[in-house]
N, C-alpha and C. Protein backbone atom coordinates (compact mmCIF):
# COMPACT_ATOMS: atom_id res chain seq x y z
N MET A 1 -37.76 12.69 -20.24
CA MET A 1 -38.10 11.41 -19.27
C MET A 1 -39.16 11.64 -18.49
N LEU A 2 -40.12 10.60 -18.80
CA LEU A 2 -41.73 10.88 -17.92
C LEU A 2 -41.47 9.56 -17.35
N LEU A 3 -41.61 9.59 -15.99
CA LEU A 3 -42.02 8.05 -14.89
C LEU A 3 -43.31 9.02 -15.11
N ARG A 4 -44.19 7.68 -15.42
CA ARG A 4 -45.85 7.21 -14.44
C ARG A 4 -45.07 5.79 -13.68
N TYR A 5 -46.70 6.24 -12.83
CA TYR A 5 -46.64 5.06 -11.48
C TYR A 5 -47.73 4.36 -12.26
N SER A 6 -47.61 3.12 -12.95
CA SER A 6 -48.58 1.73 -12.90
C SER A 6 -48.86 1.01 -12.34
N PRO A 7 -50.11 1.08 -11.12
CA PRO A 7 -49.43 0.01 -10.31
C PRO A 7 -50.38 -1.39 -10.84
N GLY A 8 -49.38 -2.52 -10.55
CA GLY A 8 -49.50 -3.42 -11.37
C GLY A 8 -48.09 -3.88 -11.99
N THR A 9 -47.65 -3.46 -12.45
CA THR A 9 -46.59 -3.28 -13.54
C THR A 9 -45.27 -3.77 -12.34
N LYS A 10 -44.89 -4.79 -12.88
CA LYS A 10 -43.96 -5.74 -12.48
C LYS A 10 -43.03 -6.86 -13.14
N SER A 11 -42.68 -5.67 -14.77
CA SER A 11 -41.69 -6.46 -15.25
C SER A 11 -40.47 -5.09 -15.87
N VAL A 12 -38.99 -5.89 -15.22
CA VAL A 12 -38.67 -4.76 -16.46
C VAL A 12 -37.55 -5.16 -17.37
N PHE A 13 -37.74 -4.21 -18.64
CA PHE A 13 -37.15 -4.44 -20.03
C PHE A 13 -35.99 -3.37 -19.51
N PRO A 14 -34.96 -3.35 -19.66
CA PRO A 14 -34.00 -2.62 -19.98
C PRO A 14 -33.68 -1.76 -21.11
N LEU A 15 -33.55 -0.57 -20.72
CA LEU A 15 -33.46 0.51 -22.16
C LEU A 15 -32.16 -0.62 -23.01
N ASN A 16 -31.99 -0.13 -24.34
CA ASN A 16 -31.20 -1.22 -25.43
C ASN A 16 -29.59 -0.41 -24.49
N ASP A 17 -28.93 -0.80 -25.45
CA ASP A 17 -26.74 -0.05 -24.90
C ASP A 17 -26.47 1.46 -26.03
N ARG A 18 -27.82 1.49 -26.42
CA ARG A 18 -28.01 3.66 -26.64
C ARG A 18 -28.60 4.53 -26.38
N GLY A 19 -29.46 3.39 -25.00
CA GLY A 19 -30.16 4.45 -24.43
C GLY A 19 -31.34 4.42 -24.71
N THR A 20 -31.70 3.87 -25.59
CA THR A 20 -32.92 4.33 -26.47
C THR A 20 -33.99 3.25 -25.59
N GLY A 21 -35.34 3.14 -26.20
CA GLY A 21 -36.20 2.13 -25.60
C GLY A 21 -37.20 2.76 -24.87
N THR A 22 -38.20 1.82 -24.24
CA THR A 22 -38.97 2.06 -23.49
C THR A 22 -38.97 0.76 -22.73
N ALA A 23 -39.23 1.67 -21.08
CA ALA A 23 -39.09 -0.50 -19.79
C ALA A 23 -39.85 0.05 -18.64
N HIS A 24 -40.47 -0.66 -18.46
CA HIS A 24 -41.46 -0.98 -17.72
C HIS A 24 -40.87 -1.69 -16.29
N VAL A 25 -40.42 -0.48 -15.48
CA VAL A 25 -39.78 -1.49 -14.13
C VAL A 25 -41.18 -0.97 -13.20
N LYS A 26 -41.55 -1.97 -12.26
CA LYS A 26 -42.06 -2.29 -10.58
C LYS A 26 -42.45 -0.89 -10.64
N GLY A 27 -44.27 -0.83 -11.31
CA GLY A 27 -44.96 0.20 -10.79
C GLY A 27 -44.40 1.66 -11.56
N MET A 28 -44.04 1.64 -12.65
CA MET A 28 -43.72 2.72 -12.81
C MET A 28 -43.24 2.45 -14.49
N SER A 29 -43.40 3.59 -15.48
CA SER A 29 -43.04 3.29 -17.23
C SER A 29 -42.52 4.16 -17.51
N ILE A 30 -40.85 3.93 -17.46
CA ILE A 30 -40.11 5.39 -18.48
C ILE A 30 -40.62 5.68 -20.03
N SER A 31 -40.60 6.92 -20.51
CA SER A 31 -40.52 6.81 -21.91
C SER A 31 -39.36 6.43 -22.25
N PRO A 32 -39.04 7.06 -23.23
CA PRO A 32 -37.48 7.01 -24.51
C PRO A 32 -36.96 7.81 -24.06
N LEU A 33 -36.20 7.33 -24.26
CA LEU A 33 -34.92 8.65 -24.06
C LEU A 33 -34.90 9.32 -24.92
N THR A 34 -35.32 10.34 -26.41
CA THR A 34 -34.97 10.81 -26.86
C THR A 34 -34.62 12.20 -26.57
N GLY A 35 -34.22 13.21 -27.74
CA GLY A 35 -34.01 14.12 -27.77
C GLY A 35 -32.77 14.79 -26.84
N PRO A 36 -32.37 15.91 -27.10
CA PRO A 36 -30.66 16.13 -26.93
C PRO A 36 -30.12 16.57 -26.03
N SER A 37 -31.64 17.44 -24.69
CA SER A 37 -31.37 17.50 -23.36
C SER A 37 -31.82 16.09 -22.78
N LEU A 38 -31.73 14.24 -23.25
CA LEU A 38 -31.74 13.22 -22.52
C LEU A 38 -30.54 12.66 -23.16
N THR A 39 -29.63 13.24 -23.96
CA THR A 39 -28.25 12.05 -24.00
C THR A 39 -26.74 12.77 -23.45
N ALA A 40 -26.55 11.98 -23.09
CA ALA A 40 -25.18 12.05 -21.55
C ALA A 40 -24.25 13.19 -22.65
N PRO A 41 -23.73 13.76 -21.61
CA PRO A 41 -22.93 15.21 -22.28
C PRO A 41 -21.61 14.48 -22.33
N SER A 42 -21.91 15.13 -24.32
CA SER A 42 -20.30 15.29 -24.67
C SER A 42 -18.77 15.80 -24.17
N SER A 43 -17.67 15.78 -25.12
CA SER A 43 -16.56 16.38 -24.09
C SER A 43 -17.11 17.96 -24.43
N THR A 44 -17.41 18.40 -25.31
CA THR A 44 -17.19 19.69 -25.53
C THR A 44 -18.44 20.01 -24.44
N THR A 45 -19.92 19.43 -24.41
CA THR A 45 -20.72 20.58 -22.68
C THR A 45 -20.02 19.93 -21.76
N GLU A 46 -20.34 21.46 -21.05
CA GLU A 46 -19.72 21.53 -19.40
C GLU A 46 -20.86 20.16 -19.02
N VAL A 47 -19.97 19.88 -17.93
CA VAL A 47 -20.61 18.98 -17.08
C VAL A 47 -20.43 19.76 -15.46
N HIS A 48 -21.28 19.28 -14.50
CA HIS A 48 -21.54 19.71 -13.40
C HIS A 48 -20.69 18.82 -12.86
N ARG A 49 -20.11 17.74 -12.79
CA ARG A 49 -18.84 17.24 -11.71
C ARG A 49 -19.55 16.87 -10.83
N GLN A 50 -20.84 17.71 -10.08
CA GLN A 50 -21.04 17.27 -8.60
C GLN A 50 -21.24 15.95 -8.81
N THR A 51 -21.78 16.14 -7.06
CA THR A 51 -22.45 14.25 -6.85
C THR A 51 -23.89 14.56 -6.17
N ILE A 52 -24.64 13.98 -6.35
CA ILE A 52 -25.47 13.69 -5.72
C ILE A 52 -26.13 12.31 -4.99
N LEU A 53 -26.54 12.75 -3.94
CA LEU A 53 -27.09 11.23 -3.21
C LEU A 53 -28.26 11.27 -3.40
N VAL A 54 -28.55 9.95 -3.98
CA VAL A 54 -30.15 9.74 -4.46
C VAL A 54 -30.36 8.06 -2.95
N VAL A 55 -31.88 8.94 -2.07
CA VAL A 55 -31.70 7.62 -1.36
C VAL A 55 -33.53 7.33 -1.61
N ASP A 56 -33.82 6.13 -1.84
CA ASP A 56 -34.82 5.36 -2.19
C ASP A 56 -34.63 3.98 -2.32
N ASP A 57 -35.99 3.34 -1.00
CA ASP A 57 -35.84 2.26 -0.98
C ASP A 57 -36.16 1.50 -2.19
N ASP A 58 -37.18 1.94 -3.17
CA ASP A 58 -37.55 1.66 -4.53
C ASP A 58 -35.89 1.57 -6.01
N VAL A 59 -35.01 0.69 -5.45
CA VAL A 59 -34.04 -0.21 -6.41
C VAL A 59 -34.57 0.57 -8.04
N ALA A 60 -35.47 0.09 -8.35
CA ALA A 60 -36.14 1.13 -9.76
C ALA A 60 -36.12 2.55 -9.47
N LEU A 61 -37.26 2.59 -9.23
CA LEU A 61 -36.58 4.17 -9.42
C LEU A 61 -35.09 4.67 -8.33
N ARG A 62 -34.59 4.72 -7.83
CA ARG A 62 -33.24 5.27 -7.46
C ARG A 62 -32.74 4.78 -8.50
N GLY A 63 -32.61 3.69 -9.32
CA GLY A 63 -31.43 3.63 -10.61
C GLY A 63 -32.61 4.18 -11.36
N THR A 64 -33.35 4.82 -11.68
CA THR A 64 -33.62 5.37 -12.80
C THR A 64 -33.29 7.31 -13.20
N MET A 65 -33.70 7.15 -11.30
CA MET A 65 -33.38 8.30 -10.62
C MET A 65 -31.59 8.87 -11.47
N SER A 66 -30.81 7.90 -10.89
CA SER A 66 -29.39 8.08 -10.83
C SER A 66 -29.23 8.09 -12.50
N MET A 67 -29.93 7.11 -13.58
CA MET A 67 -30.02 7.27 -15.07
C MET A 67 -29.76 8.87 -14.88
N MET A 68 -30.61 9.27 -15.44
CA MET A 68 -31.55 10.74 -15.47
C MET A 68 -30.64 11.77 -15.07
N LEU A 69 -29.85 11.82 -14.20
CA LEU A 69 -28.74 12.99 -12.69
C LEU A 69 -27.99 12.77 -14.24
N GLU A 70 -27.47 11.31 -14.61
CA GLU A 70 -26.37 11.05 -14.83
C GLU A 70 -26.06 11.23 -16.34
N CYS A 71 -27.27 11.37 -16.82
CA CYS A 71 -27.61 11.15 -18.60
C CYS A 71 -27.06 13.77 -18.24
N ASP A 72 -27.73 14.09 -17.21
CA ASP A 72 -27.14 15.60 -17.34
C ASP A 72 -26.18 15.89 -16.44
N GLY A 73 -24.91 14.70 -16.37
CA GLY A 73 -24.08 14.99 -16.64
C GLY A 73 -23.49 15.20 -14.89
N PHE A 74 -24.07 14.53 -13.62
CA PHE A 74 -23.44 14.01 -12.22
C PHE A 74 -23.34 13.36 -12.13
N ARG A 75 -22.60 13.39 -11.49
CA ARG A 75 -22.15 11.86 -10.17
C ARG A 75 -23.64 11.48 -9.47
N VAL A 76 -23.39 10.30 -9.37
CA VAL A 76 -24.63 10.12 -9.01
C VAL A 76 -24.21 8.60 -7.49
N LEU A 77 -24.28 9.20 -6.50
CA LEU A 77 -23.90 8.06 -5.53
C LEU A 77 -26.07 7.49 -5.13
N GLY A 78 -25.50 5.90 -4.19
CA GLY A 78 -27.76 5.92 -4.43
C GLY A 78 -26.83 4.93 -2.67
N ALA A 79 -28.75 5.42 -2.11
CA ALA A 79 -28.48 4.07 -0.43
C ALA A 79 -29.85 3.62 -1.26
N GLY A 80 -30.04 2.67 -0.30
CA GLY A 80 -31.18 2.41 -0.32
C GLY A 80 -32.61 2.98 0.79
N ASN A 81 -31.96 3.59 2.12
CA ASN A 81 -32.28 4.20 3.03
C ASN A 81 -32.09 5.02 3.53
N GLY A 82 -32.37 5.91 5.17
CA GLY A 82 -31.76 7.28 5.63
C GLY A 82 -30.50 6.32 5.97
N LEU A 83 -30.51 5.40 7.14
CA LEU A 83 -29.49 5.25 7.97
C LEU A 83 -28.51 4.57 7.35
N GLU A 84 -28.59 3.71 5.51
CA GLU A 84 -27.14 4.06 4.49
C GLU A 84 -26.84 5.64 4.10
N ALA A 85 -27.52 5.88 3.84
CA ALA A 85 -27.52 7.78 3.09
C ALA A 85 -26.33 8.93 4.68
N LEU A 86 -26.28 7.92 5.42
CA LEU A 86 -25.60 9.17 6.91
C LEU A 86 -24.32 7.93 7.29
N GLN A 87 -24.43 7.03 6.44
CA GLN A 87 -23.18 6.27 6.41
C GLN A 87 -22.10 6.50 5.33
N MET A 88 -23.32 7.23 4.39
CA MET A 88 -22.20 7.76 2.99
C MET A 88 -21.83 9.29 3.10
N LEU A 89 -23.01 9.95 3.79
CA LEU A 89 -22.61 11.23 4.00
C LEU A 89 -20.85 11.06 5.31
N GLU A 90 -21.17 10.46 6.14
CA GLU A 90 -20.08 10.95 6.35
C GLU A 90 -18.85 10.39 6.48
N GLY A 91 -18.24 9.49 5.15
CA GLY A 91 -17.91 9.18 4.50
C GLY A 91 -17.08 9.73 2.61
N ASN A 92 -18.21 10.92 2.94
CA ASN A 92 -17.95 11.24 1.27
C ASN A 92 -18.68 13.41 1.32
N SER A 93 -17.24 13.75 2.13
CA SER A 93 -17.71 15.01 2.04
C SER A 93 -17.40 15.51 0.78
N HIS A 94 -17.79 15.15 -0.47
CA HIS A 94 -18.17 15.99 -1.72
C HIS A 94 -19.44 15.86 -1.96
N ILE A 95 -20.28 15.04 -1.85
CA ILE A 95 -21.41 14.69 -2.07
C ILE A 95 -22.32 17.12 -2.27
N SER A 96 -22.46 17.02 -3.32
CA SER A 96 -22.84 17.65 -3.21
C SER A 96 -25.00 18.22 -2.61
N ALA A 97 -26.04 17.80 -2.76
CA ALA A 97 -27.31 17.82 -2.52
C ALA A 97 -27.65 16.19 -2.80
N VAL A 98 -28.85 15.48 -1.93
CA VAL A 98 -28.73 14.46 -1.50
C VAL A 98 -30.32 14.83 -1.70
N LEU A 99 -30.90 13.76 -3.04
CA LEU A 99 -32.55 13.52 -2.97
C LEU A 99 -32.85 12.73 -2.24
N LEU A 100 -33.98 12.89 -2.14
CA LEU A 100 -34.02 11.39 -0.45
C LEU A 100 -35.54 11.81 -0.31
N ASP A 101 -36.30 10.83 -0.57
CA ASP A 101 -37.33 9.72 -0.71
C ASP A 101 -37.72 9.91 0.89
N LEU A 102 -39.34 10.00 1.34
CA LEU A 102 -39.93 10.15 2.77
C LEU A 102 -40.11 9.39 3.13
N PHE A 103 -40.47 7.77 2.62
CA PHE A 103 -40.66 6.80 3.40
C PHE A 103 -40.52 5.34 3.06
N MET A 104 -39.21 5.00 3.67
CA MET A 104 -38.60 3.75 4.17
C MET A 104 -38.51 2.78 4.56
N PRO A 105 -37.78 1.92 4.59
CA PRO A 105 -37.48 1.18 5.84
C PRO A 105 -36.10 1.22 6.94
N VAL A 106 -35.87 1.03 7.84
CA VAL A 106 -34.57 0.93 8.17
C VAL A 106 -34.78 2.79 9.43
N MET A 107 -35.21 3.37 8.44
CA MET A 107 -34.57 5.43 8.56
C MET A 107 -35.40 5.86 7.84
N GLY A 108 -36.02 6.56 7.99
CA GLY A 108 -37.35 7.70 7.06
C GLY A 108 -36.57 8.44 6.36
N GLY A 109 -37.12 9.03 5.37
CA GLY A 109 -37.20 10.05 5.08
C GLY A 109 -36.71 11.29 5.65
N ARG A 110 -37.35 11.95 7.32
CA ARG A 110 -38.12 12.54 7.57
C ARG A 110 -36.84 12.51 8.46
N GLU A 111 -36.62 11.80 9.81
CA GLU A 111 -35.65 11.32 10.34
C GLU A 111 -34.29 11.73 10.25
N THR A 112 -33.56 10.92 8.46
CA THR A 112 -32.39 10.85 7.89
C THR A 112 -32.48 12.69 7.43
N LEU A 113 -33.57 13.41 7.54
CA LEU A 113 -33.39 14.62 7.08
C LEU A 113 -33.08 15.77 8.63
N HIS A 114 -33.44 15.16 9.37
CA HIS A 114 -33.64 15.71 10.74
C HIS A 114 -31.37 15.99 11.02
N GLN A 115 -31.19 13.96 10.88
CA GLN A 115 -29.82 14.05 11.13
C GLN A 115 -29.08 14.90 10.72
N ILE A 116 -29.56 15.20 8.52
CA ILE A 116 -28.70 16.16 8.18
C ILE A 116 -28.52 17.42 9.06
N ARG A 117 -29.63 17.10 8.63
CA ARG A 117 -29.76 19.25 9.19
C ARG A 117 -28.65 19.16 10.60
N SER A 118 -28.77 18.90 11.56
CA SER A 118 -28.38 18.43 12.73
C SER A 118 -26.43 18.15 12.56
N PHE A 119 -25.82 17.42 11.13
CA PHE A 119 -24.17 17.36 11.13
C PHE A 119 -24.19 17.90 10.08
N TRP A 120 -24.90 17.91 8.66
CA TRP A 120 -25.10 19.07 8.04
C TRP A 120 -25.58 19.82 7.38
N SER A 121 -25.70 20.88 8.16
CA SER A 121 -26.50 21.56 7.47
C SER A 121 -26.63 22.66 6.56
N SER A 122 -25.85 22.92 5.79
CA SER A 122 -25.63 23.53 5.06
C SER A 122 -26.04 22.38 3.35
N LEU A 123 -25.59 21.71 3.43
CA LEU A 123 -26.52 20.13 2.63
C LEU A 123 -27.83 20.57 2.05
N PRO A 124 -27.18 20.71 0.68
CA PRO A 124 -29.52 20.74 0.08
C PRO A 124 -29.75 19.61 0.29
N VAL A 125 -31.55 19.44 0.51
CA VAL A 125 -31.85 17.94 0.40
C VAL A 125 -33.13 18.31 -0.04
N ILE A 126 -33.20 17.42 -0.44
CA ILE A 126 -35.07 17.70 -1.57
C ILE A 126 -35.30 16.86 -1.70
N LEU A 127 -36.73 16.30 -1.44
CA LEU A 127 -37.02 15.33 -0.73
C LEU A 127 -38.78 15.11 -1.86
N VAL A 128 -38.18 13.68 -2.10
CA VAL A 128 -38.44 12.80 -3.79
C VAL A 128 -40.32 12.91 -2.87
N SER A 129 -41.36 12.57 -2.97
CA SER A 129 -42.33 11.72 -2.79
C SER A 129 -43.76 11.89 -3.62
N GLY A 130 -44.65 10.78 -2.94
CA GLY A 130 -45.83 10.98 -3.54
C GLY A 130 -46.96 12.16 -2.20
N TYR A 131 -46.62 11.99 -1.37
CA TYR A 131 -46.96 12.54 -0.38
C TYR A 131 -47.17 14.06 -0.62
N ASP A 132 -47.76 14.79 0.06
CA ASP A 132 -48.63 15.99 0.25
C ASP A 132 -47.19 16.58 1.09
N MET A 133 -46.94 17.59 0.70
CA MET A 133 -45.02 18.48 1.29
C MET A 133 -45.97 19.25 2.61
N SER A 134 -47.47 19.50 2.75
CA SER A 134 -47.58 20.92 4.17
C SER A 134 -48.00 19.57 4.68
N GLU A 135 -48.04 18.39 4.98
CA GLU A 135 -47.63 17.29 6.42
C GLU A 135 -46.54 17.96 7.12
N LEU A 136 -45.18 18.43 6.00
CA LEU A 136 -44.28 17.72 6.88
C LEU A 136 -43.33 19.54 7.94
N ASP A 137 -42.54 19.71 8.20
CA ASP A 137 -41.98 20.39 9.60
C ASP A 137 -41.17 21.99 8.82
N GLN A 138 -42.40 22.48 8.06
CA GLN A 138 -41.81 23.58 7.27
C GLN A 138 -40.46 24.99 8.86
N ASP A 139 -40.44 24.95 9.66
CA ASP A 139 -39.59 24.86 10.32
C ASP A 139 -37.83 25.19 9.67
N PRO A 140 -37.71 26.47 9.60
CA PRO A 140 -36.37 26.06 8.41
C PRO A 140 -35.10 25.77 8.87
N LYS A 141 -34.85 24.62 9.64
CA LYS A 141 -33.68 24.23 10.49
C LYS A 141 -33.52 23.01 10.17
N THR A 142 -35.50 22.49 10.20
CA THR A 142 -35.19 21.51 9.26
C THR A 142 -36.13 20.91 7.98
N ALA A 143 -36.46 21.90 7.61
CA ALA A 143 -36.94 21.82 6.53
C ALA A 143 -36.57 21.64 5.06
N PRO A 144 -37.13 20.78 4.17
CA PRO A 144 -36.47 20.39 2.77
C PRO A 144 -36.00 21.61 2.03
N ASP A 145 -34.74 21.45 1.15
CA ASP A 145 -34.05 22.91 0.37
C ASP A 145 -35.36 22.89 -0.99
N GLY A 146 -36.28 21.86 -1.57
CA GLY A 146 -36.49 21.16 -2.08
C GLY A 146 -37.82 20.72 -2.37
N TYR A 147 -38.14 20.22 -3.12
CA TYR A 147 -39.10 19.19 -3.20
C TYR A 147 -39.98 18.57 -4.19
N ILE A 148 -40.44 17.58 -5.16
CA ILE A 148 -39.97 16.71 -5.83
C ILE A 148 -41.14 15.97 -5.87
N HIS A 149 -42.49 16.50 -6.51
CA HIS A 149 -44.05 15.13 -6.43
C HIS A 149 -44.20 14.71 -7.26
N LYS A 150 -43.71 13.03 -7.15
CA LYS A 150 -43.61 11.95 -7.92
C LYS A 150 -45.37 11.92 -8.43
N PRO A 151 -45.53 11.21 -9.78
CA PRO A 151 -44.47 11.28 -10.84
C PRO A 151 -43.56 12.52 -11.28
N PHE A 152 -42.37 12.58 -11.74
CA PHE A 152 -41.71 13.46 -12.36
C PHE A 152 -41.61 13.91 -13.18
N THR A 153 -41.54 14.61 -14.28
CA THR A 153 -40.52 14.55 -15.34
C THR A 153 -39.24 15.18 -15.32
N PHE A 154 -37.85 14.59 -15.73
CA PHE A 154 -36.91 14.74 -16.04
C PHE A 154 -36.71 15.87 -16.44
N THR A 155 -36.62 17.36 -16.41
CA THR A 155 -36.41 18.46 -16.51
C THR A 155 -37.08 18.87 -15.14
N HIS A 156 -38.17 18.61 -14.98
CA HIS A 156 -38.10 18.67 -12.99
C HIS A 156 -37.79 18.23 -12.03
N LEU A 157 -36.81 17.36 -12.20
CA LEU A 157 -35.24 16.70 -11.44
C LEU A 157 -34.81 18.13 -11.35
N THR A 158 -34.34 17.57 -13.43
CA THR A 158 -33.40 18.01 -12.99
C THR A 158 -33.27 19.51 -12.86
N SER A 159 -34.46 20.34 -12.75
CA SER A 159 -34.05 21.71 -12.88
C SER A 159 -34.49 21.81 -11.20
N THR A 160 -35.59 21.12 -10.25
CA THR A 160 -35.71 21.51 -9.16
C THR A 160 -33.74 21.54 -8.49
N LEU A 161 -33.17 20.25 -9.02
CA LEU A 161 -31.84 20.72 -8.07
C LEU A 161 -30.70 21.49 -8.70
N GLY A 162 -30.72 21.72 -9.38
CA GLY A 162 -30.26 23.20 -10.85
C GLY A 162 -30.07 24.39 -9.19
N ALA A 163 -32.15 24.26 -9.08
CA ALA A 163 -32.66 25.71 -8.15
C ALA A 163 -31.57 26.32 -7.34
N VAL A 164 -31.62 24.18 -6.32
CA VAL A 164 -31.03 24.08 -4.80
C VAL A 164 -29.38 24.31 -4.73
N LEU A 165 -29.23 24.04 -5.92
CA LEU A 165 -27.52 24.17 -5.93
C LEU A 165 -26.74 25.11 -6.38
N HIS A 166 -27.76 26.08 -7.10
CA HIS A 166 -26.93 26.80 -7.67
C HIS A 166 -27.26 28.61 -6.37
């Protein structure tokens, strides 16, 4: 699945009930769900069963990342800003990793990352942003475990997440 930002795109066209079709969602287009790697896991497929917290103020992008991860067998929780994410982390000790947008209202990604490192230092955090990572703090105590540059593919999202989880 490929996400491409298209400035000016504002309509939402949901995928059909079989998970196929093309959707245009506020600022991005989503290519059709096709191929075996993009289908939901079957009962015979090993399922990750790990819970990922997706933190992004863009509802459409958060939903798309959630859908991608669910297609790969993850459980997904969502938060619209860093403060919501920290509240969810306090109540959910089973979260395996966090996908974190850099710029959000209320509490942005940098402050959220620092808070996560302070209270859940071993929890993997992957920053998801269109900005250059060289601007970020490279101190190992506060640096993210991974970085995904927007736009990204289904494969890049799941392989980056897989690398920090193993």
